[in-house]
Every structure is written in C-alpha cells, then in structure tokens.
Amino acid sequence: MATRRTGGLVHRNTGVSQSPNPPQSSGDGATPYNPPGAEGGLDVPENYEDDGGDSKAMRLTLMEEVLLLGLKDREGYTSFWNDCISSGLRGCMMVELAIRGRIELEKQSMRRKGLLYRKVLVKNPTPTGDILLDEALRHIKDTSPPDNVQSWIELLSGETWNPLNLRYQVRNVRERIAKNLVEKGILTTEKQNFVVFDMTTHPLTDTTAKQRLIKKVQDAVLTKWVNEINRMDKRMLALIILAHASDVLENAFASLQDDDYDLAMKRVRQLLDADPDEEAQKAGACEMVWAVASAFLK
C-alpha cells in the first residue's frame, strides 16, 4: 500500500490496492493484535496480557507484530519503497529487551539529561531465549563505554560509516523474524521469480492472527482509548509508535470507516506529539519506550 507522510504522520491513500512490487511494506488489515512474548519455555514479560487463551507459542514479539503489519498478505513481503522498517525493527528490539528487564537507561544524576543523552545499560544479562534479542543484548553487554539509544538503533541496523562498527549489525532481521512467524504457523514460505532474481517470500496463512493484531491496535485508539497516555499499556504504546516509525501503522487502520479512521489518526497524532522527556517521568512510564520514540520522532 502506498502511503504519504504529512507532519510526520502517515495518511491514508484511498483506492489503493496491493500490487506485487518487490520486497517490503504493507498488507491491508482488518483486525489486530496477538500479544508478544516468547515461545514454549522462553522468557515471557511479566506485564504480558493474555488475549483469550492463546498458547505461549502464539505470543508475538514487538518485532513480529510490526513485520506482520507490514507484510503484504498474498505476496508475502513488505513494500519495496519502505526504507523505515529496518531501523523500526531495531527500535522494537530495544523496547522488547527493556520490557523483559534486560536493559535500562542509566539513572538520572543531579544534572538531568534528556532521554537521548542517557546511556543504555545491561540490567540483567540472562538470555531471553529469542535469538535476535539475545544477539542485541550480547552486543550491548560487551560494549564499553556504553552508548545511547539512538546510537544503538543505528549500530544494530548497520547504519555506520565506521567499518569497525559493522560487527554490531544484526543481519537478516526481516527474514529471521518471518521464519519465526512461519514456525508459529502464521506465515508460510514460497519462492517468487522477479525476472532478474528469485526471492523467498512469506505469504500469510493464519489470517485470524493478523486480524487479532489489527483489531487490538484499532481498539487501543478507539474503544479502549485512555486519555492519560501514562495509563496506556506499555506494549501497545510501543507498538503504535514503532509501527508508525516503521511506516506500517496505516495498514492497521485501512479497514476503518472514515469517521473511525479520522478519530484513530487524531489520537495517534496525540501520542506522537507528546513530549517524550515529560512522559518518561510520569508514574508507570517505561523510559525505554519514550527514549526510542524520541529517537524516531525528534
């Protein structure tokens, strides 16, 4: 789906159909969210909300949710024109690690620092059981002196002019996340020929899982909206911000009627216009969510 940005917010394009362009952006949605977490006996966040008896194997990480929102249902890849999702997925890693209690921002000193100036520290080096998260955690743990959130998003994405820093890049992230979704029975794997090259794609097989994901995102800004941002579920707040940063949030609202769509986008705008440094100081706030938001929305 083609989208356009105005003032940092993605706006709906009407009359758009999915077209089989090569790799990477959206899939029309109709209803949302299947909670994040980990498979089987893996690490499960303590504030995780179960959504109707789903098994642990069906709990999705933030990375899996953002990618699922971006994938074209039938074609099985994200929009070729989406150059935001790569860094967005690395932002998901930072938030996921923080919510699971593995990393945190350094404590404030007498001279208060903005979120983007505070270093990322390892709080608990215990592996999560998720290969991508543990790879990112290992990089953060082994790096001295520590770095800030924005630098880590860039390093994990491989966005650096220093070849020595390429060792921090987490590679093939979209393909590895897609394979996780294949293992969970949500996607399948196919080969497609694009004339000059063949590409592995991952079409959607479990439409119910994606519909739950879309519905939960819609509900968060419509029927379950809370006026005080600090009372909003941390994972859902992070998902909305990171889906926007990854240029895939539009897909969650594509099925809405015009009035609901306008209201949803108005409330998303309210989240994006919030001051991250102020919100991070409120009771119950997750500093890492707002630090990552600040890195993308600055």
Protein backbone atom coordinates (compact mmCIF):
# COMPACT_ATOMS: atom_id res chain seq x y z
CA MET A 1 0.00 0.00 0.00
CA ALA A 2 1.35 3.40 -0.89
CA THR A 3 1.35 5.98 1.88
CA ARG A 4 2.34 9.58 2.25
CA ARG A 5 3.60 11.47 5.27
CA THR A 6 2.39 14.87 6.43
CA GLY A 7 3.99 16.34 9.51
CA GLY A 8 5.48 13.00 10.47
CA LEU A 9 2.16 11.10 10.38
CA VAL A 10 1.23 8.57 7.74
CA HIS A 11 -2.02 9.44 5.98
CA ARG A 12 -4.43 7.16 4.21
CA ASN A 13 -4.45 6.91 0.42
CA THR A 14 -7.87 5.88 -0.83
CA GLY A 15 -8.44 3.47 -3.68
CA VAL A 16 -5.14 1.71 -3.25
CA SER A 17 -4.79 -1.97 -3.95
CA GLN A 18 -1.88 -4.22 -3.14
CA SER A 19 0.48 -4.59 -6.03
CA PRO A 20 3.16 -7.24 -6.34
CA ASN A 21 6.19 -4.96 -6.08
CA PRO A 22 9.39 -6.49 -4.87
CA PRO A 23 10.21 -6.62 -1.17
CA GLN A 24 8.85 -4.79 1.80
CA SER A 25 5.68 -2.74 3.12
CA SER A 26 2.11 -3.32 3.83
CA GLY A 27 -0.79 -5.65 3.94
CA ASP A 28 -4.31 -4.44 4.18
CA GLY A 29 -5.69 -5.24 7.58
CA ALA A 30 -8.98 -5.64 9.21
CA THR A 31 -8.49 -6.51 12.88
CA PRO A 32 -5.41 -6.66 15.36
CA TYR A 33 -3.08 -7.91 17.96
CA ASN A 34 -1.81 -11.10 19.35
CA PRO A 35 0.36 -10.43 22.38
CA PRO A 36 4.12 -10.51 22.40
CA GLY A 37 6.37 -12.67 24.42
CA ALA A 38 8.21 -15.86 23.68
CA GLU A 39 7.67 -19.42 22.65
CA GLY A 40 7.37 -22.50 24.79
CA GLY A 41 9.52 -22.19 27.88
CA LEU A 42 11.13 -18.93 26.80
CA ASP A 43 11.11 -15.66 28.68
CA VAL A 44 7.65 -14.10 28.98
CA PRO A 45 7.29 -10.46 30.10
CA GLU A 46 5.63 -10.09 33.49
CA ASN A 47 3.17 -7.45 32.28
CA TYR A 48 2.05 -9.56 29.35
CA GLU A 49 -1.71 -9.64 28.83
CA ASP A 50 -3.10 -12.88 27.52
CA ASP A 51 -5.63 -12.38 24.78
CA GLY A 52 -8.17 -15.11 25.00
CA GLY A 53 -6.25 -18.26 25.80
CA ASP A 54 -3.56 -18.13 23.13
CA SER A 55 -0.76 -20.63 23.68
CA LYS A 56 2.71 -19.38 24.56
CA ALA A 57 3.88 -20.36 21.08
CA MET A 58 1.46 -17.82 19.59
CA ARG A 59 2.63 -14.87 21.64
CA LEU A 60 4.34 -12.41 19.35
CA THR A 61 7.26 -10.10 19.99
CA LEU A 62 7.09 -6.43 19.02
CA MET A 63 9.35 -7.21 16.05
CA GLU A 64 6.97 -9.93 14.83
CA GLU A 65 3.93 -7.66 15.23
CA VAL A 66 5.48 -4.77 13.30
CA LEU A 67 6.64 -7.07 10.50
CA LEU A 68 3.24 -8.76 10.34
CA LEU A 69 1.55 -5.37 9.96
CA GLY A 70 3.94 -4.52 7.12
CA LEU A 71 3.74 -7.75 5.12
CA LYS A 72 1.50 -7.95 2.09
CA ASP A 73 -0.89 -10.82 2.81
CA ARG A 74 -0.71 -12.65 -0.52
CA GLU A 75 2.69 -11.54 -1.79
CA GLY A 76 4.49 -12.19 1.49
CA TYR A 77 6.94 -9.25 1.52
CA THR A 78 6.99 -5.64 2.67
CA SER A 79 6.89 -2.68 0.31
CA PHE A 80 9.96 -2.12 -1.80
CA TRP A 81 9.66 1.59 -1.04
CA ASN A 82 9.61 1.22 2.74
CA ASP A 83 13.03 2.29 3.97
CA CYS A 84 11.86 2.83 7.56
CA ILE A 85 11.09 -0.68 8.75
CA SER A 86 14.72 -1.74 9.16
CA SER A 87 15.51 0.81 11.87
CA GLY A 88 11.98 0.41 13.28
CA LEU A 89 12.61 -3.28 13.96
CA ARG A 90 15.83 -2.43 15.81
CA GLY A 91 13.84 0.00 17.92
CA CYS A 92 11.49 -2.89 18.69
CA MET A 93 14.47 -4.90 19.96
CA MET A 94 15.47 -2.15 22.38
CA VAL A 95 11.96 -1.83 23.80
CA GLU A 96 11.44 -5.59 23.98
CA LEU A 97 14.70 -6.01 25.92
CA ALA A 98 13.70 -3.22 28.31
CA ILE A 99 10.21 -4.60 28.94
CA ARG A 100 11.76 -8.01 29.65
CA GLY A 101 14.02 -6.41 32.22
CA ARG A 102 17.31 -6.93 30.34
CA ILE A 103 18.35 -3.33 29.68
CA GLU A 104 17.61 0.12 31.10
CA LEU A 105 18.72 3.73 30.81
CA GLU A 106 21.37 4.99 33.19
CA LYS A 107 19.96 6.68 36.29
CA GLN A 108 19.44 10.41 36.31
CA SER A 109 22.12 12.48 38.04
CA MET A 110 21.72 15.84 39.77
CA ARG A 111 22.15 17.41 36.37
CA ARG A 112 19.22 15.93 34.47
CA LYS A 113 19.88 14.59 30.98
CA GLY A 114 17.47 14.19 28.10
CA LEU A 115 16.49 10.63 27.16
CA LEU A 116 18.72 10.64 24.09
CA TYR A 117 21.79 11.57 26.16
CA ARG A 118 21.45 8.75 28.69
CA LYS A 119 23.42 5.55 28.13
CA VAL A 120 21.89 2.11 27.75
CA LEU A 121 22.98 -0.28 30.49
CA VAL A 122 22.50 -4.02 30.91
CA LYS A 123 20.23 -4.70 33.87
CA ASN A 124 20.12 -8.49 33.58
CA PRO A 125 22.43 -10.39 31.16
CA THR A 126 20.35 -13.58 31.29
CA PRO A 127 19.41 -14.65 27.72
CA THR A 128 15.75 -14.25 26.77
CA GLY A 129 15.64 -17.34 24.58
CA ASP A 130 14.92 -15.23 21.49
CA ILE A 131 17.93 -15.39 19.14
CA LEU A 132 17.58 -11.83 17.80
CA LEU A 133 17.08 -10.28 21.23
CA ASP A 134 19.97 -12.23 22.70
CA GLU A 135 22.28 -11.16 19.88
CA ALA A 136 21.40 -7.50 20.52
CA LEU A 137 21.76 -7.99 24.28
CA ARG A 138 25.20 -9.52 23.82
CA HIS A 139 26.36 -6.54 21.76
CA ILE A 140 25.12 -4.09 24.40
CA LYS A 141 26.70 -6.09 27.23
CA ASP A 142 30.09 -6.37 25.52
CA THR A 143 30.38 -2.70 24.57
CA SER A 144 32.37 -0.28 26.68
CA PRO A 145 31.86 2.57 27.18
CA PRO A 146 28.05 2.24 26.87
CA ASP A 147 26.16 4.12 24.19
CA ASN A 148 22.77 5.82 23.92
CA VAL A 149 19.52 4.55 22.40
CA GLN A 150 19.81 6.37 19.08
CA SER A 151 23.34 5.09 18.54
CA TRP A 152 22.26 1.53 19.30
CA ILE A 153 19.41 1.65 16.81
CA GLU A 154 21.88 2.82 14.17
CA LEU A 155 24.54 0.28 15.13
CA LEU A 156 22.12 -2.66 15.17
CA SER A 157 20.85 -1.50 11.75
CA GLY A 158 24.36 -1.27 10.32
CA GLU A 159 23.95 2.46 9.66
CA THR A 160 27.54 3.50 10.25
CA TRP A 161 30.44 4.89 8.25
CA ASN A 162 32.92 3.15 10.54
CA PRO A 163 33.61 -0.37 9.23
CA LEU A 164 34.72 -1.42 12.72
CA ASN A 165 31.16 -0.85 13.94
CA LEU A 166 29.63 -3.22 11.39
CA ARG A 167 30.19 -6.06 13.86
CA TYR A 168 27.24 -4.69 15.85
CA GLN A 169 24.81 -5.09 12.97
CA VAL A 170 22.07 -7.68 13.48
CA ARG A 171 21.73 -9.13 9.98
CA ASN A 172 18.82 -10.58 8.00
CA VAL A 173 16.35 -9.40 10.62
CA ARG A 174 13.21 -9.44 8.46
CA GLU A 175 13.93 -12.93 7.13
CA ARG A 176 14.67 -14.28 10.60
CA ILE A 177 11.51 -12.74 12.07
CA ALA A 178 9.48 -14.11 9.16
CA LYS A 179 10.87 -17.59 9.84
CA ASN A 180 9.75 -17.27 13.46
CA LEU A 181 6.24 -16.47 12.19
CA VAL A 182 6.43 -19.48 9.86
CA GLU A 183 7.28 -21.68 12.86
CA LYS A 184 4.25 -20.27 14.67
CA GLY A 185 2.03 -21.18 11.72
CA ILE A 186 1.16 -17.58 10.79
CA LEU A 187 3.17 -17.38 7.57
CA THR A 188 4.39 -19.88 5.01
CA THR A 189 7.47 -19.88 2.77
CA GLU A 190 7.46 -19.62 -1.03
CA LYS A 191 9.85 -18.70 -3.85
CA GLN A 192 8.88 -15.95 -6.25
CA ASN A 193 10.58 -15.03 -9.51
CA PHE A 194 11.01 -11.31 -10.22
CA VAL A 195 12.55 -11.78 -13.70
CA VAL A 196 16.09 -10.81 -12.73
CA PHE A 197 16.16 -12.62 -9.38
CA ASP A 198 14.36 -15.13 -7.21
CA MET A 199 13.20 -14.13 -3.76
CA THR A 200 11.96 -16.04 -0.74
CA THR A 201 8.55 -14.70 0.32
CA HIS A 202 6.31 -15.42 3.28
CA PRO A 203 2.58 -15.17 2.44
CA LEU A 204 0.04 -15.05 5.25
CA THR A 205 -1.64 -18.35 6.16
CA ASP A 206 -3.22 -17.57 9.54
CA THR A 207 -5.48 -14.61 8.78
CA THR A 208 -7.03 -14.81 12.25
CA ALA A 209 -3.72 -13.95 13.92
CA LYS A 210 -3.30 -10.85 11.79
CA GLN A 211 -6.92 -9.83 12.30
CA ARG A 212 -6.43 -10.04 16.07
CA LEU A 213 -3.34 -7.87 15.76
CA ILE A 214 -5.12 -5.25 13.67
CA LYS A 215 -8.19 -5.24 15.92
CA LYS A 216 -6.14 -4.70 19.05
CA VAL A 217 -4.35 -1.73 17.50
CA GLN A 218 -7.69 -0.29 16.39
CA ASP A 219 -9.28 -0.84 19.80
CA ALA A 220 -6.35 0.84 21.56
CA VAL A 221 -7.11 4.15 19.81
CA LEU A 222 -10.89 3.75 19.60
CA THR A 223 -12.98 1.71 22.07
CA LYS A 224 -10.20 1.24 24.66
CA TRP A 225 -8.63 4.65 24.36
CA VAL A 226 -7.35 6.21 27.60
CA ASN A 227 -6.94 9.96 27.75
CA GLU A 228 -3.88 9.79 30.00
CA ILE A 229 -1.00 8.36 27.99
CA ASN A 230 0.81 7.04 31.08
CA ARG A 231 -2.15 4.71 31.75
CA MET A 232 -1.84 3.09 28.33
CA ASP A 233 -0.44 -0.45 28.09
CA LYS A 234 3.32 -0.14 27.55
CA ARG A 235 3.46 -2.73 24.80
CA MET A 236 0.58 -1.23 22.89
CA LEU A 237 2.03 2.27 23.21
CA ALA A 238 5.36 0.95 21.92
CA LEU A 239 3.67 -0.95 19.10
CA ILE A 240 1.80 2.12 17.86
CA ILE A 241 4.88 4.34 18.00
CA LEU A 242 7.15 1.75 16.37
CA ALA A 243 4.59 0.79 13.72
CA HIS A 244 4.42 4.47 12.82
CA ALA A 245 8.22 4.74 12.80
CA SER A 246 8.32 1.66 10.53
CA ASP A 247 5.72 3.20 8.17
CA VAL A 248 3.26 0.30 8.62
CA LEU A 249 0.70 1.74 11.07
CA GLU A 250 -1.56 2.80 8.19
CA ASN A 251 -2.21 -0.88 7.44
CA ALA A 252 -3.91 -1.38 10.80
CA PHE A 253 -6.42 1.36 10.01
CA ALA A 254 -7.11 0.60 6.34
CA SER A 255 -10.38 -1.23 7.09
CA LEU A 256 -11.88 1.53 9.26
CA GLN A 257 -14.80 3.71 8.21
CA ASP A 258 -13.81 7.31 7.54
CA ASP A 259 -15.05 8.69 10.89
CA ASP A 260 -13.25 6.00 12.88
CA TYR A 261 -10.16 6.41 10.74
CA ASP A 262 -10.04 10.17 11.39
CA LEU A 263 -10.51 9.64 15.13
CA ALA A 264 -7.83 6.94 15.23
CA MET A 265 -5.32 9.13 13.42
CA LYS A 266 -6.16 12.10 15.66
CA ARG A 267 -5.33 10.01 18.72
CA VAL A 268 -2.17 8.63 17.17
CA ARG A 269 -1.17 12.22 16.49
CA GLN A 270 -1.75 12.93 20.18
CA LEU A 271 0.70 10.17 21.11
CA LEU A 272 3.30 11.34 18.62
CA ASP A 273 3.03 14.97 19.74
CA ALA A 274 3.65 14.11 23.40
CA ASP A 275 6.95 15.24 24.89
CA PRO A 276 8.99 12.04 25.46
CA ASP A 277 11.09 13.53 28.27
CA GLU A 278 7.97 14.64 30.16
CA GLU A 279 6.09 11.38 29.58
CA ALA A 280 9.06 9.30 30.73
CA GLN A 281 8.92 10.97 34.17
CA LYS A 282 5.28 10.06 34.82
CA ALA A 283 4.28 7.22 37.12
CA GLY A 284 4.26 3.82 35.42
CA ALA A 285 6.07 5.04 32.30
CA CYS A 286 8.68 2.92 30.53
CA GLU A 287 11.67 5.17 29.89
CA MET A 288 12.97 2.99 27.05
CA VAL A 289 9.70 3.31 25.12
CA TRP A 290 9.96 7.08 25.24
CA ALA A 291 13.71 7.09 24.54
CA VAL A 292 13.11 5.05 21.37
CA ALA A 293 10.17 7.29 20.49
CA SER A 294 12.40 10.33 20.93
CA ALA A 295 15.00 8.80 18.59
CA PHE A 296 12.42 8.39 15.82
CA LEU A 297 10.24 11.46 16.39
CA LYS A 298 12.92 14.08 17.10
